Amino acid sequence: MNAVAKRGGLVITVEERSDLSLMGGRTVTAAYSVGVVTSITREGVIKAWRDTWGTEQLARHNPRVTFQVGSKDRFDVDGAYEMAKAHTWPGRPTPKDWDSLDELKAALRPYRR
C-alpha cells in the first residue's frame, strides 16, 4: 500500500477502541474497515474519506484513526468498497468492521490488480 493518498483511492482505516469493564480494567482493540478517499492535502495526506455507511468522515475529527492507502492502479476500488459494504453483521444490514488486518487483507485479495 502507498503512503501518499489520491482522491478515489482505497483506504483502510484502523481505529483504536477502548472498552471499560464493569468488573474493572480496560481493553484496547482495533477495528479495520475500508473506505474511499474523498479529500487530500497537496502533500497527499487524507483529509476525508467515505466509510461503508456512505458517510464522509473528516480525519481531523478522528485522532484515534490511522490509515493505510491503496492506489486505484493496484485495487479495484469500487469492487472492494462494495464488498466492504456487504460485509455486515449476521442478519442485519449494518456494516461490520474486521477484527484483524490479516482478515481484511484476505478479503481484499480478489480486488488486487
PDB file of N, CA and C in Angstrom:
ATOM      1  N   MET A   1       0.837  -1.180   0.000  1.00  0.00           N
ATOM      2  CA  MET A   1       0.000   0.000   0.000  1.00  0.00           C
ATOM      3  C   MET A   1       0.885   1.248   0.000  1.00  0.00           C
ATOM      4  N   ASN A   2       0.399   2.281  -0.650  1.00  0.00           N
ATOM      5  CA  ASN A   2       1.170   3.509  -0.801  1.00  0.00           C
ATOM      6  C   ASN A   2       1.037   4.414   0.415  1.00  0.00           C
ATOM      7  N   ALA A   3       2.026   5.275   0.624  1.00  0.00           N
ATOM      8  CA  ALA A   3       1.987   6.228   1.726  1.00  0.00           C
ATOM      9  C   ALA A   3       1.244   7.497   1.328  1.00  0.00           C
ATOM     10  N   VAL A   4       1.205   7.816   0.037  1.00  0.00           N
ATOM     11  CA  VAL A   4       0.564   9.040  -0.442  1.00  0.00           C
ATOM     12  C   VAL A   4      -0.810   8.696  -0.994  1.00  0.00           C
ATOM     13  N   ALA A   5      -1.829   9.419  -0.530  1.00  0.00           N
ATOM     14  CA  ALA A   5      -3.203   9.152  -0.959  1.00  0.00           C
ATOM     15  C   ALA A   5      -3.557   9.961  -2.201  1.00  0.00           C
ATOM     16  N   LYS A   6      -4.509   9.434  -2.964  1.00  0.00           N
ATOM     17  CA  LYS A   6      -5.086  10.152  -4.101  1.00  0.00           C
ATOM     18  C   LYS A   6      -6.593  10.028  -3.998  1.00  0.00           C
ATOM     19  N   ARG A   7      -7.295  11.068  -4.408  1.00  0.00           N
ATOM     20  CA  ARG A   7      -8.749  11.030  -4.401  1.00  0.00           C
ATOM     21  C   ARG A   7      -9.254   9.824  -5.167  1.00  0.00           C
ATOM     22  N   GLY A   8     -10.237   9.124  -4.608  1.00  0.00           N
ATOM     23  CA  GLY A   8     -10.786   7.946  -5.261  1.00  0.00           C
ATOM     24  C   GLY A   8     -10.040   6.666  -4.938  1.00  0.00           C
ATOM     25  N   GLY A   9      -8.947   6.766  -4.188  1.00  0.00           N
ATOM     26  CA  GLY A   9      -8.170   5.593  -3.813  1.00  0.00           C
ATOM     27  C   GLY A   9      -8.809   4.843  -2.648  1.00  0.00           C
ATOM     28  N   LEU A  10      -8.316   3.658  -2.426  1.00  0.00           N
ATOM     29  CA  LEU A  10      -8.784   2.814  -1.337  1.00  0.00           C
ATOM     30  C   LEU A  10      -8.085   3.218  -0.049  1.00  0.00           C
ATOM     31  N   VAL A  11      -8.818   3.223   1.043  1.00  0.00           N
ATOM     32  CA  VAL A  11      -8.208   3.487   2.336  1.00  0.00           C
ATOM     33  C   VAL A  11      -8.661   2.419   3.320  1.00  0.00           C
ATOM     34  N   ILE A  12      -7.711   1.901   4.062  1.00  0.00           N
ATOM     35  CA  ILE A  12      -8.020   1.021   5.187  1.00  0.00           C
ATOM     36  C   ILE A  12      -7.868   1.879   6.433  1.00  0.00           C
ATOM     37  N   THR A  13      -8.938   1.949   7.203  1.00  0.00           N
ATOM     38  CA  THR A  13      -8.864   2.714   8.448  1.00  0.00           C
ATOM     39  C   THR A  13      -8.651   1.743   9.598  1.00  0.00           C
ATOM     40  N   VAL A  14      -7.785   2.138  10.500  1.00  0.00           N
ATOM     41  CA  VAL A  14      -7.506   1.354  11.697  1.00  0.00           C
ATOM     42  C   VAL A  14      -7.905   2.235  12.875  1.00  0.00           C
ATOM     43  N   GLU A  15      -8.959   1.837  13.565  1.00  0.00           N
ATOM     44  CA  GLU A  15      -9.468   2.641  14.669  1.00  0.00           C
ATOM     45  C   GLU A  15      -9.203   1.947  15.991  1.00  0.00           C
ATOM     46  N   GLU A  16      -8.526   2.653  16.867  1.00  0.00           N
ATOM     47  CA  GLU A  16      -8.270   2.129  18.207  1.00  0.00           C
ATOM     48  C   GLU A  16      -9.523   2.342  19.044  1.00  0.00           C
ATOM     49  N   ARG A  17      -9.971   1.268  19.676  1.00  0.00           N
ATOM     50  CA  ARG A  17     -11.156   1.338  20.526  1.00  0.00           C
ATOM     51  C   ARG A  17     -10.799   0.900  21.932  1.00  0.00           C
ATOM     52  N   SER A  18     -11.376   1.575  22.904  1.00  0.00           N
ATOM     53  CA  SER A  18     -11.100   1.280  24.288  1.00  0.00           C
ATOM     54  C   SER A  18     -12.424   0.992  25.007  1.00  0.00           C
ATOM     55  N   ASP A  19     -12.486  -0.147  25.685  1.00  0.00           N
ATOM     56  CA  ASP A  19     -13.685  -0.533  26.421  1.00  0.00           C
ATOM     57  C   ASP A  19     -13.356  -0.692  27.894  1.00  0.00           C
ATOM     58  N   LEU A  20     -14.247  -0.184  28.736  1.00  0.00           N
ATOM     59  CA  LEU A  20     -14.108  -0.357  30.174  1.00  0.00           C
ATOM     60  C   LEU A  20     -15.063  -1.444  30.627  1.00  0.00           C
ATOM     61  N   SER A  21     -14.601  -2.308  31.496  1.00  0.00           N
ATOM     62  CA  SER A  21     -15.407  -3.401  32.020  1.00  0.00           C
ATOM     63  C   SER A  21     -16.061  -2.974  33.324  1.00  0.00           C
ATOM     64  N   LEU A  22     -17.267  -3.484  33.583  1.00  0.00           N
ATOM     65  CA  LEU A  22     -17.919  -3.222  34.868  1.00  0.00           C
ATOM     66  C   LEU A  22     -17.135  -3.834  36.014  1.00  0.00           C
ATOM     67  N   MET A  23     -16.362  -4.867  35.712  1.00  0.00           N
ATOM     68  CA  MET A  23     -15.555  -5.539  36.723  1.00  0.00           C
ATOM     69  C   MET A  23     -14.195  -4.862  36.892  1.00  0.00           C
ATOM     70  N   GLY A  24     -13.986  -3.798  36.175  1.00  0.00           N
ATOM     71  CA  GLY A  24     -12.704  -3.100  36.234  1.00  0.00           C
ATOM     72  C   GLY A  24     -11.804  -3.524  35.091  1.00  0.00           C
ATOM     73  N   GLY A  25     -10.897  -2.682  34.781  1.00  0.00           N
ATOM     74  CA  GLY A  25      -9.974  -2.983  33.698  1.00  0.00           C
ATOM     75  C   GLY A  25     -10.412  -2.346  32.387  1.00  0.00           C
ATOM     76  N   ARG A  26      -9.480  -2.238  31.508  1.00  0.00           N
ATOM     77  CA  ARG A  26      -9.706  -1.599  30.220  1.00  0.00           C
ATOM     78  C   ARG A  26      -9.142  -2.491  29.130  1.00  0.00           C
ATOM     79  N   THR A  27      -9.895  -2.636  28.057  1.00  0.00           N
ATOM     80  CA  THR A  27      -9.464  -3.434  26.919  1.00  0.00           C
ATOM     81  C   THR A  27      -9.320  -2.513  25.714  1.00  0.00           C
ATOM     82  N   VAL A  28      -8.170  -2.573  25.074  1.00  0.00           N
ATOM     83  CA  VAL A  28      -7.940  -1.785  23.868  1.00  0.00           C
ATOM     84  C   VAL A  28      -7.880  -2.746  22.687  1.00  0.00           C
ATOM     85  N   THR A  29      -8.713  -2.488  21.694  1.00  0.00           N
ATOM     86  CA  THR A  29      -8.738  -3.314  20.493  1.00  0.00           C
ATOM     87  C   THR A  29      -8.630  -2.408  19.277  1.00  0.00           C
ATOM     88  N   ALA A  30      -8.530  -3.022  18.127  1.00  0.00           N
ATOM     89  CA  ALA A  30      -8.504  -2.262  16.877  1.00  0.00           C
ATOM     90  C   ALA A  30      -9.586  -2.809  15.961  1.00  0.00           C
ATOM     91  N   ALA A  31     -10.187  -1.919  15.190  1.00  0.00           N
ATOM     92  CA  ALA A  31     -11.182  -2.294  14.191  1.00  0.00           C
ATOM     93  C   ALA A  31     -10.677  -1.816  12.834  1.00  0.00           C
ATOM     94  N   TYR A  32     -10.810  -2.656  11.833  1.00  0.00           N
ATOM     95  CA  TYR A  32     -10.291  -2.377  10.498  1.00  0.00           C
ATOM     96  C   TYR A  32     -11.454  -2.263   9.528  1.00  0.00           C
ATOM     97  N   SER A  33     -11.476  -1.195   8.735  1.00  0.00           N
ATOM     98  CA  SER A  33     -12.546  -1.022   7.759  1.00  0.00           C
ATOM     99  C   SER A  33     -11.987  -0.427   6.464  1.00  0.00           C
ATOM    100  N   VAL A  34     -12.832  -0.452   5.446  1.00  0.00           N
ATOM    101  CA  VAL A  34     -12.452   0.017   4.118  1.00  0.00           C
ATOM    102  C   VAL A  34     -13.254   1.262   3.789  1.00  0.00           C
ATOM    103  N   GLY A  35     -12.620   2.188   3.104  1.00  0.00           N
ATOM    104  CA  GLY A  35     -13.303   3.386   2.638  1.00  0.00           C
ATOM    105  C   GLY A  35     -12.679   3.873   1.341  1.00  0.00           C
ATOM    106  N   VAL A  36     -13.188   5.009   0.883  1.00  0.00           N
ATOM    107  CA  VAL A  36     -12.696   5.625  -0.342  1.00  0.00           C
ATOM    108  C   VAL A  36     -12.262   7.046  -0.011  1.00  0.00           C
ATOM    109  N   VAL A  37     -11.064   7.410  -0.424  1.00  0.00           N
ATOM    110  CA  VAL A  37     -10.529   8.746  -0.171  1.00  0.00           C
ATOM    111  C   VAL A  37     -11.352   9.777  -0.952  1.00  0.00           C
ATOM    112  N   THR A  38     -11.835  10.820  -0.252  1.00  0.00           N
ATOM    113  CA  THR A  38     -12.631  11.859  -0.911  1.00  0.00           C
ATOM    114  C   THR A  38     -11.936  13.213  -0.922  1.00  0.00           C
ATOM    115  N   SER A  39     -10.957  13.413  -0.038  1.00  0.00           N
ATOM    116  CA  SER A  39     -10.261  14.700   0.009  1.00  0.00           C
ATOM    117  C   SER A  39      -8.858  14.497   0.571  1.00  0.00           C
ATOM    118  N   ILE A  40      -7.897  15.203  -0.032  1.00  0.00           N
ATOM    119  CA  ILE A  40      -6.499  15.106   0.409  1.00  0.00           C
ATOM    120  C   ILE A  40      -5.887  16.493   0.464  1.00  0.00           C
ATOM    121  N   THR A  41      -4.753  16.584   1.157  1.00  0.00           N
ATOM    122  CA  THR A  41      -3.967  17.812   1.133  1.00  0.00           C
ATOM    123  C   THR A  41      -3.085  17.793  -0.109  1.00  0.00           C
ATOM    124  N   ARG A  42      -2.399  18.886  -0.369  1.00  0.00           N
ATOM    125  CA  ARG A  42      -1.477  18.928  -1.516  1.00  0.00           C
ATOM    126  C   ARG A  42      -0.350  17.912  -1.384  1.00  0.00           C
ATOM    127  N   GLU A  43      -0.043  17.535  -0.135  1.00  0.00           N
ATOM    128  CA  GLU A  43       1.027  16.569   0.118  1.00  0.00           C
ATOM    129  C   GLU A  43       0.541  15.122   0.020  1.00  0.00           C
ATOM    130  N   GLY A  44      -0.764  14.919  -0.210  1.00  0.00           N
ATOM    131  CA  GLY A  44      -1.297  13.572  -0.324  1.00  0.00           C
ATOM    132  C   GLY A  44      -1.731  12.966   0.998  1.00  0.00           C
ATOM    133  N   VAL A  45      -1.934  13.793   2.010  1.00  0.00           N
ATOM    134  CA  VAL A  45      -2.420  13.325   3.307  1.00  0.00           C
ATOM    135  C   VAL A  45      -3.951  13.327   3.280  1.00  0.00           C
ATOM    136  N   ILE A  46      -4.553  12.274   3.789  1.00  0.00           N
ATOM    137  CA  ILE A  46      -6.006  12.164   3.772  1.00  0.00           C
ATOM    138  C   ILE A  46      -6.639  13.209   4.683  1.00  0.00           C
ATOM    139  N   LYS A  47      -7.577  13.972   4.114  1.00  0.00           N
ATOM    140  CA  LYS A  47      -8.381  14.918   4.895  1.00  0.00           C
ATOM    141  C   LYS A  47      -9.750  14.320   5.183  1.00  0.00           C
ATOM    142  N   ALA A  48     -10.294  13.529   4.239  1.00  0.00           N
ATOM    143  CA  ALA A  48     -11.617  12.930   4.421  1.00  0.00           C
ATOM    144  C   ALA A  48     -11.738  11.657   3.591  1.00  0.00           C
ATOM    145  N   TRP A  49     -12.634  10.778   4.024  1.00  0.00           N
ATOM    146  CA  TRP A  49     -12.912   9.545   3.305  1.00  0.00           C
ATOM    147  C   TRP A  49     -14.379   9.182   3.500  1.00  0.00           C
ATOM    148  N   ARG A  50     -14.908   8.355   2.573  1.00  0.00           N
ATOM    149  CA  ARG A  50     -16.279   7.855   2.659  1.00  0.00           C
ATOM    150  C   ARG A  50     -16.221   6.462   3.278  1.00  0.00           C
ATOM    151  N   ASP A  51     -16.951   6.279   4.389  1.00  0.00           N
ATOM    152  CA  ASP A  51     -16.951   4.984   5.060  1.00  0.00           C
ATOM    153  C   ASP A  51     -18.004   4.056   4.451  1.00  0.00           C
ATOM    154  N   THR A  52     -18.147   2.848   4.987  1.00  0.00           N
ATOM    155  CA  THR A  52     -19.079   1.870   4.420  1.00  0.00           C
ATOM    156  C   THR A  52     -20.539   2.219   4.680  1.00  0.00           C
ATOM    157  N   TRP A  53     -20.795   3.197   5.512  1.00  0.00           N
ATOM    158  CA  TRP A  53     -22.156   3.701   5.718  1.00  0.00           C
ATOM    159  C   TRP A  53     -22.501   4.733   4.649  1.00  0.00           C
ATOM    160  N   GLY A  54     -21.485   5.160   3.866  1.00  0.00           N
ATOM    161  CA  GLY A  54     -21.697   6.194   2.865  1.00  0.00           C
ATOM    162  C   GLY A  54     -21.515   7.594   3.419  1.00  0.00           C
ATOM    163  N   THR A  55     -20.993   7.695   4.637  1.00  0.00           N
ATOM    164  CA  THR A  55     -20.803   8.973   5.312  1.00  0.00           C
ATOM    165  C   THR A  55     -19.379   9.465   5.115  1.00  0.00           C
ATOM    166  N   GLU A  56     -19.223  10.747   4.814  1.00  0.00           N
ATOM    167  CA  GLU A  56     -17.883  11.313   4.701  1.00  0.00           C
ATOM    168  C   GLU A  56     -17.345  11.586   6.102  1.00  0.00           C
ATOM    169  N   GLN A  57     -16.182  11.044   6.388  1.00  0.00           N
ATOM    170  CA  GLN A  57     -15.519  11.210   7.683  1.00  0.00           C
ATOM    171  C   GLN A  57     -14.340  12.156   7.526  1.00  0.00           C
ATOM    172  N   LEU A  58     -14.187  13.067   8.466  1.00  0.00           N
ATOM    173  CA  LEU A  58     -13.072  14.010   8.435  1.00  0.00           C
ATOM    174  C   LEU A  58     -11.941  13.502   9.311  1.00  0.00           C
ATOM    175  N   ALA A  59     -10.748  13.467   8.776  1.00  0.00           N
ATOM    176  CA  ALA A  59      -9.594  12.927   9.502  1.00  0.00           C
ATOM    177  C   ALA A  59      -9.291  13.719  10.766  1.00  0.00           C
ATOM    178  N   ARG A  60      -9.478  15.016  10.740  1.00  0.00           N
ATOM    179  CA  ARG A  60      -9.133  15.817  11.920  1.00  0.00           C
ATOM    180  C   ARG A  60     -10.062  15.566  13.102  1.00  0.00           C
ATOM    181  N   HIS A  61     -11.210  14.956  12.854  1.00  0.00           N
ATOM    182  CA  HIS A  61     -12.153  14.651  13.922  1.00  0.00           C
ATOM    183  C   HIS A  61     -11.982  13.238  14.454  1.00  0.00           C
ATOM    184  N   ASN A  62     -10.998  12.526  13.953  1.00  0.00           N
ATOM    185  CA  ASN A  62     -10.771  11.135  14.329  1.00  0.00           C
ATOM    186  C   ASN A  62      -9.316  10.902  14.715  1.00  0.00           C
ATOM    187  N   PRO A  63      -8.885  11.423  15.859  1.00  0.00           N
ATOM    188  CA  PRO A  63      -7.466  11.287  16.215  1.00  0.00           C
ATOM    189  C   PRO A  63      -7.030   9.860  16.495  1.00  0.00           C
ATOM    190  N   ARG A  64      -7.963   8.929  16.758  1.00  0.00           N
ATOM    191  CA  ARG A  64      -7.580   7.542  17.038  1.00  0.00           C
ATOM    192  C   ARG A  64      -7.597   6.681  15.785  1.00  0.00           C
ATOM    193  N   VAL A  65      -7.754   7.315  14.627  1.00  0.00           N
ATOM    194  CA  VAL A  65      -7.817   6.577  13.366  1.00  0.00           C
ATOM    195  C   VAL A  65      -6.523   6.785  12.591  1.00  0.00           C
ATOM    196  N   THR A  66      -5.931   5.691  12.127  1.00  0.00           N
ATOM    197  CA  THR A  66      -4.772   5.765  11.238  1.00  0.00           C
ATOM    198  C   THR A  66      -5.169   5.125   9.909  1.00  0.00           C
ATOM    199  N   PHE A  67      -4.373   5.366   8.888  1.00  0.00           N
ATOM    200  CA  PHE A  67      -4.741   4.963   7.541  1.00  0.00           C
ATOM    201  C   PHE A  67      -3.647   4.164   6.861  1.00  0.00           C
ATOM    202  N   GLN A  68      -4.080   3.258   5.993  1.00  0.00           N
ATOM    203  CA  GLN A  68      -3.213   2.622   5.013  1.00  0.00           C
ATOM    204  C   GLN A  68      -3.887   2.862   3.673  1.00  0.00           C
ATOM    205  N   VAL A  69      -3.126   3.202   2.669  1.00  0.00           N
ATOM    206  CA  VAL A  69      -3.696   3.644   1.399  1.00  0.00           C
ATOM    207  C   VAL A  69      -3.341   2.677   0.280  1.00  0.00           C
ATOM    208  N   GLY A  70      -4.319   2.417  -0.585  1.00  0.00           N
ATOM    209  CA  GLY A  70      -4.105   1.602  -1.780  1.00  0.00           C
ATOM    210  C   GLY A  70      -4.516   2.394  -3.003  1.00  0.00           C
ATOM    211  N   SER A  71      -3.699   2.415  -4.018  1.00  0.00           N
ATOM    212  CA  SER A  71      -3.982   3.225  -5.206  1.00  0.00           C
ATOM    213  C   SER A  71      -5.010   2.551  -6.109  1.00  0.00           C
ATOM    214  N   LYS A  72      -5.645   3.369  -6.961  1.00  0.00           N
ATOM    215  CA  LYS A  72      -6.604   2.865  -7.943  1.00  0.00           C
ATOM    216  C   LYS A  72      -5.918   1.931  -8.942  1.00  0.00           C
ATOM    217  N   ASP A  73      -4.617   2.113  -9.138  1.00  0.00           N
ATOM    218  CA  ASP A  73      -3.869   1.259 -10.059  1.00  0.00           C
ATOM    219  C   ASP A  73      -3.693  -0.157  -9.515  1.00  0.00           C
ATOM    220  N   ARG A  74      -3.659  -0.283  -8.192  1.00  0.00           N
ATOM    221  CA  ARG A  74      -3.393  -1.583  -7.574  1.00  0.00           C
ATOM    222  C   ARG A  74      -4.638  -2.302  -7.079  1.00  0.00           C
ATOM    223  N   PHE A  75      -5.774  -1.581  -6.987  1.00  0.00           N
ATOM    224  CA  PHE A  75      -7.003  -2.170  -6.465  1.00  0.00           C
ATOM    225  C   PHE A  75      -8.198  -1.798  -7.324  1.00  0.00           C
ATOM    226  N   ASP A  76      -9.162  -2.697  -7.397  1.00  0.00           N
ATOM    227  CA  ASP A  76     -10.482  -2.386  -7.925  1.00  0.00           C
ATOM    228  C   ASP A  76     -11.214  -1.728  -6.757  1.00  0.00           C
ATOM    229  N   VAL A  77     -11.121  -0.409  -6.668  1.00  0.00           N
ATOM    230  CA  VAL A  77     -11.642   0.328  -5.516  1.00  0.00           C
ATOM    231  C   VAL A  77     -13.153   0.158  -5.394  1.00  0.00           C
ATOM    232  N   ASP A  78     -13.872   0.285  -6.508  1.00  0.00           N
ATOM    233  CA  ASP A  78     -15.332   0.151  -6.449  1.00  0.00           C
ATOM    234  C   ASP A  78     -15.736  -1.245  -5.965  1.00  0.00           C
ATOM    235  N   GLY A  79     -15.083  -2.265  -6.474  1.00  0.00           N
ATOM    236  CA  GLY A  79     -15.382  -3.634  -6.061  1.00  0.00           C
ATOM    237  C   GLY A  79     -15.072  -3.867  -4.591  1.00  0.00           C
ATOM    238  N   ALA A  80     -13.915  -3.382  -4.144  1.00  0.00           N
ATOM    239  CA  ALA A  80     -13.527  -3.544  -2.746  1.00  0.00           C
ATOM    240  C   ALA A  80     -14.477  -2.798  -1.816  1.00  0.00           C
ATOM    241  N   TYR A  81     -14.898  -1.603  -2.239  1.00  0.00           N
ATOM    242  CA  TYR A  81     -15.818  -0.808  -1.417  1.00  0.00           C
ATOM    243  C   TYR A  81     -17.182  -1.501  -1.319  1.00  0.00           C
ATOM    244  N   GLU A  82     -17.672  -2.039  -2.431  1.00  0.00           N
ATOM    245  CA  GLU A  82     -18.957  -2.759  -2.412  1.00  0.00           C
ATOM    246  C   GLU A  82     -18.861  -4.021  -1.553  1.00  0.00           C
ATOM    247  N   MET A  83     -17.735  -4.722  -1.633  1.00  0.00           N
ATOM    248  CA  MET A  83     -17.528  -5.901  -0.796  1.00  0.00           C
ATOM    249  C   MET A  83     -17.566  -5.512   0.677  1.00  0.00           C
ATOM    250  N   ALA A  84     -16.918  -4.399   1.019  1.00  0.00           N
ATOM    251  CA  ALA A  84     -16.890  -3.945   2.413  1.00  0.00           C
ATOM    252  C   ALA A  84     -18.284  -3.548   2.897  1.00  0.00           C
ATOM    253  N   LYS A  85     -19.069  -2.911   2.022  1.00  0.00           N
ATOM    254  CA  LYS A  85     -20.440  -2.540   2.406  1.00  0.00           C
ATOM    255  C   LYS A  85     -21.300  -3.788   2.618  1.00  0.00           C
ATOM    256  N   ALA A  86     -21.014  -4.856   1.875  1.00  0.00           N
ATOM    257  CA  ALA A  86     -21.782  -6.096   2.000  1.00  0.00           C
ATOM    258  C   ALA A  86     -21.324  -6.953   3.189  1.00  0.00           C
ATOM    259  N   HIS A  87     -20.179  -6.599   3.794  1.00  0.00           N
ATOM    260  CA  HIS A  87     -19.671  -7.324   4.968  1.00  0.00           C
ATOM    261  C   HIS A  87     -20.434  -6.806   6.187  1.00  0.00           C
ATOM    262  N   THR A  88     -21.526  -7.485   6.524  1.00  0.00           N
ATOM    263  CA  THR A  88     -22.434  -6.994   7.564  1.00  0.00           C
ATOM    264  C   THR A  88     -22.534  -7.974   8.723  1.00  0.00           C
ATOM    265  N   TRP A  89     -23.118  -7.494   9.805  1.00  0.00           N
ATOM    266  CA  TRP A  89     -23.410  -8.357  10.939  1.00  0.00           C
ATOM    267  C   TRP A  89     -24.454  -9.373  10.501  1.00  0.00           C
ATOM    268  N   PRO A  90     -24.389 -10.616  10.985  1.00  0.00           N
ATOM    269  CA  PRO A  90     -25.345 -11.652  10.567  1.00  0.00           C
ATOM    270  C   PRO A  90     -26.803 -11.213  10.754  1.00  0.00           C
ATOM    271  N   GLY A  91     -27.569 -11.320   9.681  1.00  0.00           N
ATOM    272  CA  GLY A  91     -28.983 -10.997   9.734  1.00  0.00           C
ATOM    273  C   GLY A  91     -29.310  -9.513   9.811  1.00  0.00           C
ATOM    274  N   ARG A  92     -28.317  -8.664   9.612  1.00  0.00           N
ATOM    275  CA  ARG A  92     -28.538  -7.222   9.704  1.00  0.00           C
ATOM    276  C   ARG A  92     -27.873  -6.515   8.528  1.00  0.00           C
ATOM    277  N   PRO A  93     -28.361  -5.315   8.199  1.00  0.00           N
ATOM    278  CA  PRO A  93     -27.740  -4.568   7.104  1.00  0.00           C
ATOM    279  C   PRO A  93     -26.572  -3.691   7.559  1.00  0.00           C
ATOM    280  N   THR A  94     -26.233  -3.754   8.833  1.00  0.00           N
ATOM    281  CA  THR A  94     -25.207  -2.893   9.414  1.00  0.00           C
ATOM    282  C   THR A  94     -23.806  -3.343   9.018  1.00  0.00           C
ATOM    283  N   PRO A  95     -22.997  -2.454   8.402  1.00  0.00           N
ATOM    284  CA  PRO A  95     -21.620  -2.828   8.052  1.00  0.00           C
ATOM    285  C   PRO A  95     -20.827  -3.248   9.289  1.00  0.00           C
ATOM    286  N   LYS A  96     -20.006  -4.264   9.117  1.00  0.00           N
ATOM    287  CA  LYS A  96     -19.188  -4.815  10.209  1.00  0.00           C
ATOM    288  C   LYS A  96     -17.718  -4.602   9.890  1.00  0.00           C
ATOM    289  N   ASP A  97     -16.975  -4.103  10.861  1.00  0.00           N
ATOM    290  CA  ASP A  97     -15.529  -3.967  10.702  1.00  0.00           C
ATOM    291  C   ASP A  97     -14.878  -5.343  10.815  1.00  0.00           C
ATOM    292  N   TRP A  98     -13.634  -5.433  10.346  1.00  0.00           N
ATOM    293  CA  TRP A  98     -12.857  -6.653  10.501  1.00  0.00           C
ATOM    294  C   TRP A  98     -12.102  -6.579  11.819  1.00  0.00           C
ATOM    295  N   ASP A  99     -11.879  -7.741  12.436  1.00  0.00           N
ATOM    296  CA  ASP A  99     -11.195  -7.804  13.728  1.00  0.00           C
ATOM    297  C   ASP A  99      -9.680  -7.802  13.606  1.00  0.00           C
ATOM    298  N   SER A 100      -9.183  -8.135  12.407  1.00  0.00           N
ATOM    299  CA  SER A 100      -7.726  -8.149  12.237  1.00  0.00           C
ATOM    300  C   SER A 100      -7.371  -7.677  10.833  1.00  0.00           C
ATOM    301  N   LEU A 101      -6.185  -7.165  10.708  1.00  0.00           N
ATOM    302  CA  LEU A 101      -5.697  -6.720   9.412  1.00  0.00           C
ATOM    303  C   LEU A 101      -5.523  -7.902   8.470  1.00  0.00           C
ATOM    304  N   ASP A 102      -5.133  -9.051   8.992  1.00  0.00           N
ATOM    305  CA  ASP A 102      -4.971 -10.245   8.148  1.00  0.00           C
ATOM    306  C   ASP A 102      -6.304 -10.658   7.524  1.00  0.00           C
ATOM    307  N   GLU A 103      -7.406 -10.613   8.307  1.00  0.00           N
ATOM    308  CA  GLU A 103      -8.733 -10.940   7.768  1.00  0.00           C
ATOM    309  C   GLU A 103      -9.118  -9.972   6.648  1.00  0.00           C
ATOM    310  N   LEU A 104      -8.864  -8.701   6.872  1.00  0.00           N
ATOM    311  CA  LEU A 104      -9.216  -7.696   5.871  1.00  0.00           C
ATOM    312  C   LEU A 104      -8.374  -7.859   4.615  1.00  0.00           C
ATOM    313  N   LYS A 105      -7.087  -8.100   4.775  1.00  0.00           N
ATOM    314  CA  LYS A 105      -6.225  -8.305   3.607  1.00  0.00           C
ATOM    315  C   LYS A 105      -6.686  -9.506   2.788  1.00  0.00           C
ATOM    316  N   ALA A 106      -7.112 -10.573   3.462  1.00  0.00           N
ATOM    317  CA  ALA A 106      -7.610 -11.756   2.752  1.00  0.00           C
ATOM    318  C   ALA A 106      -8.889 -11.411   1.981  1.00  0.00           C
ATOM    319  N   ALA A 107      -9.760 -10.599   2.581  1.00  0.00           N
ATOM    320  CA  ALA A 107     -10.998 -10.195   1.909  1.00  0.00           C
ATOM    321  C   ALA A 107     -10.721  -9.300   0.706  1.00  0.00           C
ATOM    322  N   LEU A 108      -9.652  -8.512   0.766  1.00  0.00           N
ATOM    323  CA  LEU A 108      -9.303  -7.602  -0.321  1.00  0.00           C
ATOM    324  C   LEU A 108      -8.527  -8.278  -1.451  1.00  0.00           C
ATOM    325  N   ARG A 109      -7.985  -9.453  -1.197  1.00  0.00           N
ATOM    326  CA  ARG A 109      -7.135 -10.127  -2.193  1.00  0.00           C
ATOM    327  C   ARG A 109      -7.773 -10.232  -3.577  1.00  0.00           C
ATOM    328  N   PRO A 110      -9.072 -10.588  -3.694  1.00  0.00           N
ATOM    329  CA  PRO A 110      -9.671 -10.685  -5.043  1.00  0.00           C
ATOM    330  C   PRO A 110      -9.764  -9.332  -5.779  1.00  0.00           C
ATOM    331  N   TYR A 111      -9.583  -8.237  -5.065  1.00  0.00           N
ATOM    332  CA  TYR A 111      -9.716  -6.912  -5.678  1.00  0.00           C
ATOM    333  C   TYR A 111      -8.379  -6.269  -6.014  1.00  0.00           C
ATOM    334  N   ARG A 112      -7.307  -7.010  -5.798  1.00  0.00           N
ATOM    335  CA  ARG A 112      -5.964  -6.529  -6.188  1.00  0.00           C
ATOM    336  C   ARG A 112      -5.793  -6.704  -7.686  1.00  0.00           C
ATOM    337  N   ARG A 113      -5.068  -5.762  -8.285  1.00  0.00           N
ATOM    338  CA  ARG A 113      -4.802  -5.869  -9.732  1.00  0.00           C
ATOM    339  C   ARG A 113      -3.403  -6.349  -9.988  1.00  0.00           C
TER     340      ARG A 113
END
